[in-house]
Amino acid sequence: PEDLEEINEFLKLQKYGVIPIQEALEAAESFAGGQAHTVELENEDGNLVYEVVIGLQEVYVDAGNGKVLFSETISTVNKSDDSQFKSSIQVP
């Protein structure tokens, strides 16, 4: 099941010393001015980030220090520019 895979991925990535999920949610909600619908801990090309969905926005929060890296509108997502994913925690 997809949910089980997401839980296993989260547990695997969490060992890198990430900030609490609540801190990432607060940073993203403050940045976007709305309430989060979903949050996922992700490895984006070696950069550990929380992806927080608020309305039609995806807000990417550095999983190491809680700073918002960038946001983008879901309908126009273009992840070809990996330079935006420069988090403080790098994973192999």
C-alpha atoms as a PDB file:
ATOM      1  CA  PRO A   1       0.000   0.000   0.000  1.00  0.00           C
ATOM      2  CA  GLU A   2       1.124   3.524  -0.782  1.00  0.00           C
ATOM      3  CA  ASP A   3       0.532   4.750   2.781  1.00  0.00           C
ATOM      4  CA  LEU A   4       2.827   2.067   4.185  1.00  0.00           C
ATOM      5  CA  GLU A   5       5.528   3.045   1.685  1.00  0.00           C
ATOM      6  CA  GLU A   6       5.209   6.695   2.726  1.00  0.00           C
ATOM      7  CA  ILE A   7       5.490   5.765   6.407  1.00  0.00           C
ATOM      8  CA  ASN A   8       8.594   3.653   5.743  1.00  0.00           C
ATOM      9  CA  GLU A   9      10.155   6.473   3.692  1.00  0.00           C
ATOM     10  CA  PHE A  10       9.422   8.977   6.465  1.00  0.00           C
ATOM     11  CA  LEU A  11      10.998   6.730   9.101  1.00  0.00           C
ATOM     12  CA  LYS A  12      14.055   6.169   6.902  1.00  0.00           C
ATOM     13  CA  LEU A  13      14.563   9.900   6.298  1.00  0.00           C
ATOM     14  CA  GLN A  14      13.765  10.949   9.859  1.00  0.00           C
ATOM     15  CA  LYS A  15      17.057   9.468  11.081  1.00  0.00           C
ATOM     16  CA  TYR A  16      18.890  12.440   9.537  1.00  0.00           C
ATOM     17  CA  GLY A  17      17.779  14.670  12.422  1.00  0.00           C
ATOM     18  CA  VAL A  18      14.918  16.558  10.871  1.00  0.00           C
ATOM     19  CA  ILE A  19      12.860  19.247  12.566  1.00  0.00           C
ATOM     20  CA  PRO A  20       9.453  18.218  13.933  1.00  0.00           C
ATOM     21  CA  ILE A  21       6.629  18.113  11.388  1.00  0.00           C
ATOM     22  CA  GLN A  22       4.720  20.748  13.400  1.00  0.00           C
ATOM     23  CA  GLU A  23       7.571  23.238  12.938  1.00  0.00           C
ATOM     24  CA  ALA A  24       7.527  22.690   9.166  1.00  0.00           C
ATOM     25  CA  LEU A  25       3.739  23.125   9.095  1.00  0.00           C
ATOM     26  CA  GLU A  26       3.930  26.385  11.045  1.00  0.00           C
ATOM     27  CA  ALA A  27       6.621  27.794   8.750  1.00  0.00           C
ATOM     28  CA  ALA A  28       4.698  26.867   5.598  1.00  0.00           C
ATOM     29  CA  GLU A  29       1.340  28.111   6.881  1.00  0.00           C
ATOM     30  CA  SER A  30       2.861  31.401   7.989  1.00  0.00           C
ATOM     31  CA  PHE A  31       4.529  31.799   4.590  1.00  0.00           C
ATOM     32  CA  ALA A  32       1.451  30.947   2.509  1.00  0.00           C
ATOM     33  CA  GLY A  33      -1.190  32.408   4.799  1.00  0.00           C
ATOM     34  CA  GLY A  34      -3.375  29.315   4.865  1.00  0.00           C
ATOM     35  CA  GLN A  35      -3.911  25.929   6.445  1.00  0.00           C
ATOM     36  CA  ALA A  36      -1.961  22.880   5.280  1.00  0.00           C
ATOM     37  CA  HIS A  37      -3.777  20.003   3.597  1.00  0.00           C
ATOM     38  CA  THR A  38      -0.878  17.545   3.452  1.00  0.00           C
ATOM     39  CA  VAL A  39       2.759  17.346   4.448  1.00  0.00           C
ATOM     40  CA  GLU A  40       5.411  14.865   3.347  1.00  0.00           C
ATOM     41  CA  LEU A  41       9.085  14.462   4.169  1.00  0.00           C
ATOM     42  CA  GLU A  42      10.907  13.979   0.870  1.00  0.00           C
ATOM     43  CA  ASN A  43      14.349  13.430  -0.566  1.00  0.00           C
ATOM     44  CA  GLU A  44      14.489  15.820  -3.520  1.00  0.00           C
ATOM     45  CA  ASP A  45      17.698  14.949  -5.354  1.00  0.00           C
ATOM     46  CA  GLY A  46      19.613  14.584  -2.103  1.00  0.00           C
ATOM     47  CA  ASN A  47      17.954  17.526  -0.361  1.00  0.00           C
ATOM     48  CA  LEU A  48      15.766  16.706   2.612  1.00  0.00           C
ATOM     49  CA  VAL A  49      12.625  18.863   2.557  1.00  0.00           C
ATOM     50  CA  TYR A  50       9.071  18.915   3.800  1.00  0.00           C
ATOM     51  CA  GLU A  51       6.569  19.404   0.987  1.00  0.00           C
ATOM     52  CA  VAL A  52       3.513  21.146   2.438  1.00  0.00           C
ATOM     53  CA  VAL A  53       0.375  21.592   0.331  1.00  0.00           C
ATOM     54  CA  ILE A  54      -1.665  24.687   1.163  1.00  0.00           C
ATOM     55  CA  GLY A  55      -4.526  25.363  -1.221  1.00  0.00           C
ATOM     56  CA  LEU A  56      -3.021  25.228  -4.708  1.00  0.00           C
ATOM     57  CA  GLN A  57       0.497  25.895  -3.441  1.00  0.00           C
ATOM     58  CA  GLU A  58       3.314  23.538  -2.610  1.00  0.00           C
ATOM     59  CA  VAL A  59       5.617  25.070  -0.021  1.00  0.00           C
ATOM     60  CA  TYR A  60       9.039  23.457   0.423  1.00  0.00           C
ATOM     61  CA  VAL A  61      10.530  23.738   3.909  1.00  0.00           C
ATOM     62  CA  ASP A  62      14.134  22.856   4.757  1.00  0.00           C
ATOM     63  CA  ALA A  63      13.870  19.786   6.992  1.00  0.00           C
ATOM     64  CA  GLY A  64      17.030  20.742   8.846  1.00  0.00           C
ATOM     65  CA  ASN A  65      16.357  24.324   9.866  1.00  0.00           C
ATOM     66  CA  GLY A  66      12.666  25.041   9.161  1.00  0.00           C
ATOM     67  CA  LYS A  67      13.251  27.779   6.589  1.00  0.00           C
ATOM     68  CA  VAL A  68      10.965  28.038   3.580  1.00  0.00           C
ATOM     69  CA  LEU A  69      13.058  27.325   0.481  1.00  0.00           C
ATOM     70  CA  PHE A  70      10.448  28.197  -2.140  1.00  0.00           C
ATOM     71  CA  SER A  71       6.867  27.620  -3.188  1.00  0.00           C
ATOM     72  CA  GLU A  72       5.080  26.957  -6.439  1.00  0.00           C
ATOM     73  CA  THR A  73       1.570  26.608  -7.760  1.00  0.00           C
ATOM     74  CA  ILE A  74       0.524  22.979  -8.139  1.00  0.00           C
ATOM     75  CA  SER A  75      -0.994  23.450 -11.592  1.00  0.00           C
ATOM     76  CA  THR A  76       2.304  24.742 -12.994  1.00  0.00           C
ATOM     77  CA  VAL A  77       4.762  22.536 -11.144  1.00  0.00           C
ATOM     78  CA  ASN A  78       8.063  22.320 -12.973  1.00  0.00           C
ATOM     79  CA  LYS A  79      10.729  20.509 -11.004  1.00  0.00           C
ATOM     80  CA  SER A  80      13.374  20.668 -13.705  1.00  0.00           C
ATOM     81  CA  ASP A  81      15.268  23.331 -11.741  1.00  0.00           C
ATOM     82  CA  ASP A  82      16.812  21.300  -8.932  1.00  0.00           C
ATOM     83  CA  SER A  83      18.872  24.284  -7.740  1.00  0.00           C
ATOM     84  CA  GLN A  84      15.895  25.406  -5.633  1.00  0.00           C
ATOM     85  CA  PHE A  85      16.308  22.304  -3.451  1.00  0.00           C
ATOM     86  CA  LYS A  86      19.309  23.354  -1.389  1.00  0.00           C
ATOM     87  CA  SER A  87      18.403  22.125   2.069  1.00  0.00           C
ATOM     88  CA  SER A  88      20.724  22.025   5.048  1.00  0.00           C
ATOM     89  CA  ILE A  89      20.517  18.203   5.187  1.00  0.00           C
ATOM     90  CA  GLN A  90      21.932  16.268   2.233  1.00  0.00           C
ATOM     91  CA  VAL A  91      21.134  12.553   1.892  1.00  0.00           C
ATOM     92  CA  PRO A  92      22.635   9.952  -0.406  1.00  0.00           C
END
